[in-house]
Amino acid sequence: MVSTWLNGLVSGTAVGPGAIYFAGGATVSWAVLDTINKFSFLDDSRTTLSAVLTIPVHDVGGCGNAGVAGYALGGMTAAAGATAKVDKMGFSAETVAALGTGMALATSSFTAMANNAVACYTAGGSSRTNVDKFAFSDDSRTTLGTGLSAATNQTIAMANSGTAGYVALGATTGAGRVTTVDKFAFSDDSRTTLGTGTSVAGGGGAGLSNNGVAGYVCQGYSTTYIATVDKFAFSDDSRSTTASRTAASAWVGGGANSGTAGYVAGGEVTGSVAATVDKLDFSDDSWSVLSTGLVVGTLWPAGMPNSTSLL
């Protein structure tokens, strides 16, 4: 890749096309991975980085600060159970280091969302209401005084950068799977709950964000594997149900190239774990399958998008 197509901003060069990185996860035999797969937004080609996560982990949250770095947060290790560790990967050099401050609590079974250039938020997981906030300026962590409206697992998060983040609660400790969607205003981190939730009570899927336009809740599991996709217009938070993903699967990773497309990778299907990467074209909400998927079938990797259109 020549210097004019580097991820992020480089003095004297153009802004590159960016990429989405899928990090960690587990295989069908529950081997836990530290691998990082990179899919270029230029042509959807895949490379496998020489860099790896600092420890193998699955059920891990991911977010990206465009042009700067991606974060893989929390998750489950093979031996020690849930971890509070947070890895940071610089997009320009594609090197990984662990933050000195991790999550407030060891957490798994959640997703994360980003207010670009400001902060990454982790929401729920491990049957908690906790919302942690990592400031991109110095990677410091705070825990919001107001968390989710219910303790949850298998959350699905998306964000309208500069405005608000949304969390579909997924599975709660008391009510089972729910349709509830909480909204956090980025101006003051206050929480409200949308009048219209998801069309099905699910969880274990992925959230995709087309900044300034709409967010997509791609469901994974309800009473069985599902492929349902709900679209929330950021202008008024109204919900519609769009074309389903190409196959029903749960415990996937996801992320988006804002303005262009969203990506949903891996996940569990009946009897196996997929390596497939689905692509959602934001122009017409149609789905396709990338010709090259993940290196191996992967359960719940972290999606870390470098959407340079946000710069």
Protein backbone atom coordinates (compact mmCIF):
# COMPACT_ATOMS: atom_id res chain seq x y z
CA MET A 1 0.00 0.00 0.00
CA VAL A 2 1.56 3.32 -1.06
CA SER A 3 1.83 6.30 1.24
CA THR A 4 -1.09 8.16 -0.35
CA TRP A 5 -3.46 5.43 0.89
CA LEU A 6 -2.37 5.22 4.50
CA ASN A 7 -5.06 4.88 7.13
CA GLY A 8 -5.56 8.26 8.74
CA LEU A 9 -3.89 11.60 8.14
CA VAL A 10 -0.28 11.80 7.04
CA SER A 11 1.43 15.11 6.32
CA GLY A 12 1.51 15.83 2.59
CA THR A 13 -0.67 12.89 1.60
CA ALA A 14 -4.35 12.26 0.89
CA VAL A 15 -6.68 10.66 3.40
CA GLY A 16 -6.82 6.96 2.63
CA PRO A 17 -9.90 4.79 2.21
CA GLY A 18 -9.67 3.38 5.72
CA ALA A 19 -10.49 -0.16 6.78
CA ILE A 20 -12.32 -2.26 9.32
CA TYR A 21 -10.34 -4.54 11.62
CA PHE A 22 -11.87 -7.65 13.22
CA ALA A 23 -9.82 -8.65 16.25
CA GLY A 24 -9.87 -11.73 18.48
CA GLY A 25 -12.81 -14.09 18.80
CA ALA A 26 -13.05 -17.87 19.15
CA THR A 27 -13.19 -20.78 16.72
CA VAL A 28 -15.76 -23.55 16.53
CA SER A 29 -13.53 -25.63 18.88
CA TRP A 30 -13.33 -22.68 21.33
CA ALA A 31 -9.71 -21.90 20.59
CA VAL A 32 -9.45 -18.23 21.63
CA LEU A 33 -7.80 -15.92 19.07
CA ASP A 34 -5.50 -12.89 19.15
CA THR A 35 -5.61 -12.48 15.34
CA ILE A 36 -6.47 -9.17 13.63
CA ASN A 37 -8.12 -9.34 10.17
CA LYS A 38 -8.10 -6.11 8.12
CA PHE A 39 -10.59 -5.38 5.32
CA SER A 40 -9.72 -2.38 3.17
CA PHE A 41 -12.62 -0.06 2.36
CA LEU A 42 -10.99 0.53 -1.04
CA ASP A 43 -11.68 -2.96 -2.42
CA ASP A 44 -12.79 -5.14 0.56
CA SER A 45 -9.55 -7.12 0.30
CA ARG A 46 -8.36 -8.89 3.47
CA THR A 47 -4.94 -8.96 5.05
CA THR A 48 -3.90 -10.47 8.37
CA LEU A 49 -1.78 -8.16 10.49
CA SER A 50 1.54 -9.23 11.95
CA ALA A 51 0.41 -7.43 15.10
CA VAL A 52 -1.89 -9.34 17.45
CA LEU A 53 -3.89 -8.54 20.59
CA THR A 54 -1.92 -8.59 23.84
CA ILE A 55 -3.90 -11.66 24.95
CA PRO A 56 -6.32 -13.92 23.06
CA VAL A 57 -9.90 -12.90 23.84
CA HIS A 58 -13.48 -13.38 22.61
CA ASP A 59 -16.87 -11.80 23.44
CA VAL A 60 -14.94 -8.56 23.06
CA GLY A 61 -16.20 -5.02 22.36
CA GLY A 62 -14.70 -2.85 19.64
CA CYS A 63 -14.76 0.78 18.53
CA GLY A 64 -12.69 3.13 16.39
CA ASN A 65 -11.50 6.75 16.50
CA ALA A 66 -11.22 7.58 12.78
CA GLY A 67 -7.70 8.28 11.59
CA VAL A 68 -6.22 7.55 15.01
CA ALA A 69 -6.81 4.19 16.70
CA GLY A 70 -9.07 1.22 17.31
CA TYR A 71 -9.91 -0.28 20.69
CA ALA A 72 -10.63 -3.91 21.69
CA LEU A 73 -12.26 -3.87 25.11
CA GLY A 74 -12.90 -6.55 27.72
CA GLY A 75 -14.08 -9.99 26.70
CA MET A 76 -13.38 -13.57 27.73
CA THR A 77 -9.99 -15.28 27.89
CA ALA A 78 -9.43 -19.00 27.60
CA ALA A 79 -8.25 -19.49 31.18
CA ALA A 80 -9.21 -16.55 33.37
CA GLY A 81 -12.80 -15.80 32.32
CA ALA A 82 -13.84 -12.19 31.80
CA THR A 83 -11.15 -9.51 31.57
CA ALA A 84 -11.09 -5.73 32.02
CA LYS A 85 -8.18 -5.33 29.60
CA VAL A 86 -8.33 -2.73 26.82
CA ASP A 87 -6.01 -2.97 23.80
CA LYS A 88 -5.37 0.05 21.56
CA MET A 89 -4.17 -0.28 17.96
CA GLY A 90 -2.82 2.79 16.18
CA PHE A 91 -4.22 2.85 12.65
CA SER A 92 -1.13 4.34 10.99
CA ALA A 93 1.49 1.90 12.31
CA GLU A 94 -0.94 -0.96 13.09
CA THR A 95 0.75 -1.70 16.40
CA VAL A 96 -1.06 -2.85 19.56
CA ALA A 97 -0.53 -1.96 23.22
CA ALA A 98 -2.66 -2.42 26.33
CA LEU A 99 -3.97 0.71 28.06
CA GLY A 100 -2.79 1.34 31.60
CA THR A 101 -6.43 1.72 32.66
CA GLY A 102 -8.87 -0.97 31.63
CA MET A 103 -12.62 -1.22 32.07
CA ALA A 104 -14.09 -0.55 35.51
CA LEU A 105 -14.99 -4.24 35.82
CA ALA A 106 -14.05 -7.42 33.98
CA THR A 107 -16.80 -7.64 31.36
CA SER A 108 -17.91 -9.78 28.44
CA SER A 109 -20.94 -10.15 26.16
CA PHE A 110 -21.35 -6.49 25.20
CA THR A 111 -20.59 -4.06 22.38
CA ALA A 112 -19.21 -0.53 22.22
CA MET A 113 -19.93 2.73 20.38
CA ALA A 114 -17.85 5.78 19.48
CA ASN A 115 -18.39 9.52 19.44
CA ASN A 116 -15.66 10.14 16.92
CA ALA A 117 -12.68 12.21 18.11
CA VAL A 118 -14.26 12.39 21.59
CA ALA A 119 -14.81 9.05 23.34
CA CYS A 120 -15.62 5.34 23.19
CA TYR A 121 -18.48 3.98 25.33
CA THR A 122 -18.95 0.39 26.50
CA ALA A 123 -22.45 -0.58 27.53
CA GLY A 124 -23.73 -3.41 29.70
CA GLY A 125 -22.38 -6.93 29.54
CA SER A 126 -21.90 -9.50 32.32
CA SER A 127 -25.47 -8.74 33.47
CA ARG A 128 -24.69 -5.15 34.48
CA THR A 129 -25.95 -1.65 33.72
CA ASN A 130 -22.43 -0.15 33.61
CA VAL A 131 -21.46 2.32 30.89
CA ASP A 132 -17.73 3.12 30.76
CA LYS A 133 -16.41 6.08 28.78
CA PHE A 134 -12.85 6.28 27.42
CA ALA A 135 -11.76 9.77 26.37
CA PHE A 136 -9.81 9.60 23.11
CA SER A 137 -7.68 12.59 24.11
CA ASP A 138 -5.82 10.70 26.84
CA ASP A 139 -7.50 7.25 27.09
CA SER A 140 -8.72 8.05 30.61
CA ARG A 141 -11.78 6.16 31.81
CA THR A 142 -14.85 7.34 33.66
CA THR A 143 -18.02 5.41 34.49
CA LEU A 144 -21.28 7.23 33.76
CA GLY A 145 -23.48 8.04 36.75
CA THR A 146 -26.48 6.87 34.72
CA GLY A 147 -26.07 3.47 33.14
CA LEU A 148 -28.44 1.37 31.08
CA SER A 149 -32.11 1.13 32.05
CA ALA A 150 -31.66 -2.60 32.81
CA ALA A 151 -28.80 -4.99 33.52
CA THR A 152 -27.94 -6.70 30.24
CA ASN A 153 -25.91 -9.11 28.14
CA GLN A 154 -25.51 -9.30 24.36
CA THR A 155 -26.06 -5.57 23.79
CA ILE A 156 -25.99 -4.02 20.31
CA ALA A 157 -24.67 -0.45 20.04
CA MET A 158 -24.56 2.20 17.31
CA ALA A 159 -23.79 5.92 17.25
CA ASN A 160 -24.61 9.17 15.48
CA SER A 161 -21.23 10.79 16.08
CA GLY A 162 -21.50 14.25 17.61
CA THR A 163 -25.09 13.67 18.69
CA ALA A 164 -26.03 10.44 20.46
CA GLY A 165 -25.34 6.76 20.98
CA TYR A 166 -27.93 3.98 21.03
CA VAL A 167 -27.90 0.64 22.86
CA ALA A 168 -30.35 -2.18 22.10
CA LEU A 169 -30.39 -3.98 25.45
CA GLY A 170 -30.57 -7.56 24.22
CA ALA A 171 -30.87 -10.03 27.10
CA THR A 172 -31.69 -8.75 30.61
CA THR A 173 -31.39 -10.54 33.91
CA GLY A 174 -35.04 -10.12 34.85
CA ALA A 175 -37.16 -9.86 31.71
CA GLY A 176 -35.33 -12.18 29.32
CA ARG A 177 -34.77 -10.76 25.83
CA VAL A 178 -36.25 -7.31 25.34
CA THR A 179 -36.88 -4.78 22.58
CA THR A 180 -35.68 -1.78 24.64
CA VAL A 181 -33.33 0.79 23.08
CA ASP A 182 -31.58 3.32 25.34
CA LYS A 183 -30.24 6.59 23.89
CA PHE A 184 -27.32 8.56 25.36
CA ALA A 185 -26.94 12.23 24.39
CA PHE A 186 -23.23 12.86 23.80
CA SER A 187 -23.57 16.48 24.94
CA ASP A 188 -24.11 15.49 28.58
CA ASP A 189 -24.26 11.65 28.61
CA SER A 190 -27.89 11.73 29.77
CA ARG A 191 -30.03 8.69 28.98
CA THR A 192 -33.53 8.38 27.58
CA THR A 193 -35.37 5.31 26.31
CA LEU A 194 -36.85 5.33 22.81
CA GLY A 195 -40.61 5.04 22.48
CA THR A 196 -40.09 2.53 19.69
CA GLY A 197 -37.68 -0.31 20.37
CA THR A 198 -36.48 -3.09 18.12
CA SER A 199 -38.96 -5.14 16.10
CA VAL A 200 -37.92 -8.38 17.84
CA ALA A 201 -36.56 -9.19 21.28
CA GLY A 202 -33.06 -10.34 20.45
CA GLY A 203 -29.38 -9.63 21.03
CA GLY A 204 -25.95 -10.97 20.21
CA GLY A 205 -25.77 -9.07 16.93
CA ALA A 206 -24.02 -5.96 15.64
CA GLY A 207 -24.75 -2.26 15.33
CA LEU A 208 -23.84 -0.31 12.18
CA SER A 209 -23.73 3.50 11.97
CA ASN A 210 -24.17 5.69 8.90
CA ASN A 211 -23.35 8.98 10.57
CA GLY A 212 -25.99 11.70 10.31
CA VAL A 213 -28.39 9.35 8.53
CA ALA A 214 -29.30 6.13 10.31
CA GLY A 215 -28.18 3.31 12.55
CA TYR A 216 -28.85 -0.39 12.00
CA VAL A 217 -29.50 -3.01 14.68
CA CYS A 218 -28.50 -6.34 13.11
CA GLN A 219 -30.00 -8.99 15.38
CA GLY A 220 -28.36 -12.32 16.12
CA TYR A 221 -30.45 -14.46 18.44
CA SER A 222 -34.00 -14.48 19.78
CA THR A 223 -35.42 -17.96 20.39
CA THR A 224 -33.25 -19.10 17.50
CA TYR A 225 -30.66 -17.54 15.18
CA ILE A 226 -32.13 -14.58 13.30
CA ALA A 227 -31.05 -12.18 10.55
CA THR A 228 -33.51 -9.32 11.25
CA VAL A 229 -32.23 -5.76 10.64
CA ASP A 230 -33.93 -2.68 12.12
CA LYS A 231 -33.04 0.79 10.81
CA PHE A 232 -33.35 3.83 13.07
CA ALA A 233 -33.43 7.23 11.34
CA PHE A 234 -31.21 9.60 13.32
CA SER A 235 -33.42 12.56 12.38
CA ASP A 236 -36.37 11.39 14.49
CA ASP A 237 -35.43 7.93 15.88
CA SER A 238 -38.20 6.29 13.85
CA ARG A 239 -37.74 2.61 13.08
CA SER A 240 -38.21 0.61 9.91
CA THR A 241 -37.27 -3.00 9.18
CA THR A 242 -35.01 -3.45 6.17
CA ALA A 243 -33.78 -6.45 4.20
CA SER A 244 -32.38 -9.21 6.41
CA ARG A 245 -28.72 -10.24 6.44
CA THR A 246 -27.68 -12.99 4.04
CA ALA A 247 -27.80 -15.63 6.79
CA ALA A 248 -28.98 -15.93 10.37
CA SER A 249 -26.09 -15.95 12.85
CA ALA A 250 -25.30 -14.71 16.36
CA TRP A 251 -22.29 -13.46 18.34
CA VAL A 252 -20.92 -11.55 15.35
CA GLY A 253 -18.58 -8.55 15.02
CA GLY A 254 -19.54 -5.39 13.17
CA GLY A 255 -18.61 -1.89 12.10
CA ALA A 256 -19.11 0.61 9.30
CA ASN A 257 -17.53 2.91 6.76
CA SER A 258 -19.88 5.83 7.36
CA GLY A 259 -21.53 7.07 4.18
CA THR A 260 -20.79 3.88 2.28
CA ALA A 261 -21.31 0.48 3.90
CA GLY A 262 -21.52 -1.62 7.04
CA TYR A 263 -19.84 -4.97 7.71
CA VAL A 264 -20.94 -7.93 9.87
CA ALA A 265 -18.41 -10.72 10.37
CA GLY A 266 -18.33 -14.29 11.64
CA GLY A 267 -20.73 -15.60 14.26
CA GLU A 268 -22.36 -18.84 15.24
CA VAL A 269 -24.75 -20.60 12.91
CA THR A 270 -26.41 -23.94 13.53
CA GLY A 271 -23.64 -26.45 14.17
CA SER A 272 -20.70 -24.26 13.14
CA VAL A 273 -18.96 -20.89 13.29
CA ALA A 274 -18.89 -18.75 10.14
CA ALA A 275 -15.99 -16.93 8.48
CA THR A 276 -18.43 -14.98 6.28
CA VAL A 277 -18.41 -11.19 6.09
CA ASP A 278 -21.72 -9.58 5.09
CA LYS A 279 -21.70 -6.06 3.59
CA LEU A 280 -24.61 -3.63 3.81
CA ASP A 281 -24.72 -0.97 1.06
CA PHE A 282 -26.07 2.17 2.73
CA SER A 283 -27.28 3.60 -0.58
CA ASP A 284 -30.07 1.04 -0.96
CA ASP A 285 -29.88 -1.15 2.19
CA SER A 286 -28.94 -4.21 0.15
CA TRP A 287 -26.73 -7.01 1.47
CA SER A 288 -23.95 -8.96 -0.22
CA VAL A 289 -21.24 -11.40 0.91
CA LEU A 290 -17.56 -10.52 0.51
CA SER A 291 -15.67 -12.93 -1.71
CA THR A 292 -12.98 -13.25 0.98
CA GLY A 293 -14.07 -13.74 4.58
CA LEU A 294 -12.22 -14.03 7.88
CA VAL A 295 -9.12 -16.23 8.03
CA VAL A 296 -11.06 -18.74 10.13
CA GLY A 297 -14.63 -19.08 11.33
CA THR A 298 -14.81 -16.70 14.28
CA LEU A 299 -17.22 -16.21 17.15
CA TRP A 300 -17.69 -12.65 18.47
CA PRO A 301 -14.63 -10.70 17.32
CA ALA A 302 -14.24 -6.96 18.01
CA GLY A 303 -15.01 -4.67 15.07
CA MET A 304 -12.70 -1.64 14.97
CA PRO A 305 -13.60 0.66 12.03
CA ASN A 306 -11.31 3.37 10.68
CA SER A 307 -13.98 5.32 8.81
CA THR A 308 -11.91 8.14 7.35
CA SER A 309 -15.06 9.74 5.93
CA LEU A 310 -15.60 11.02 9.50
CA LEU A 311 -12.39 13.09 9.41
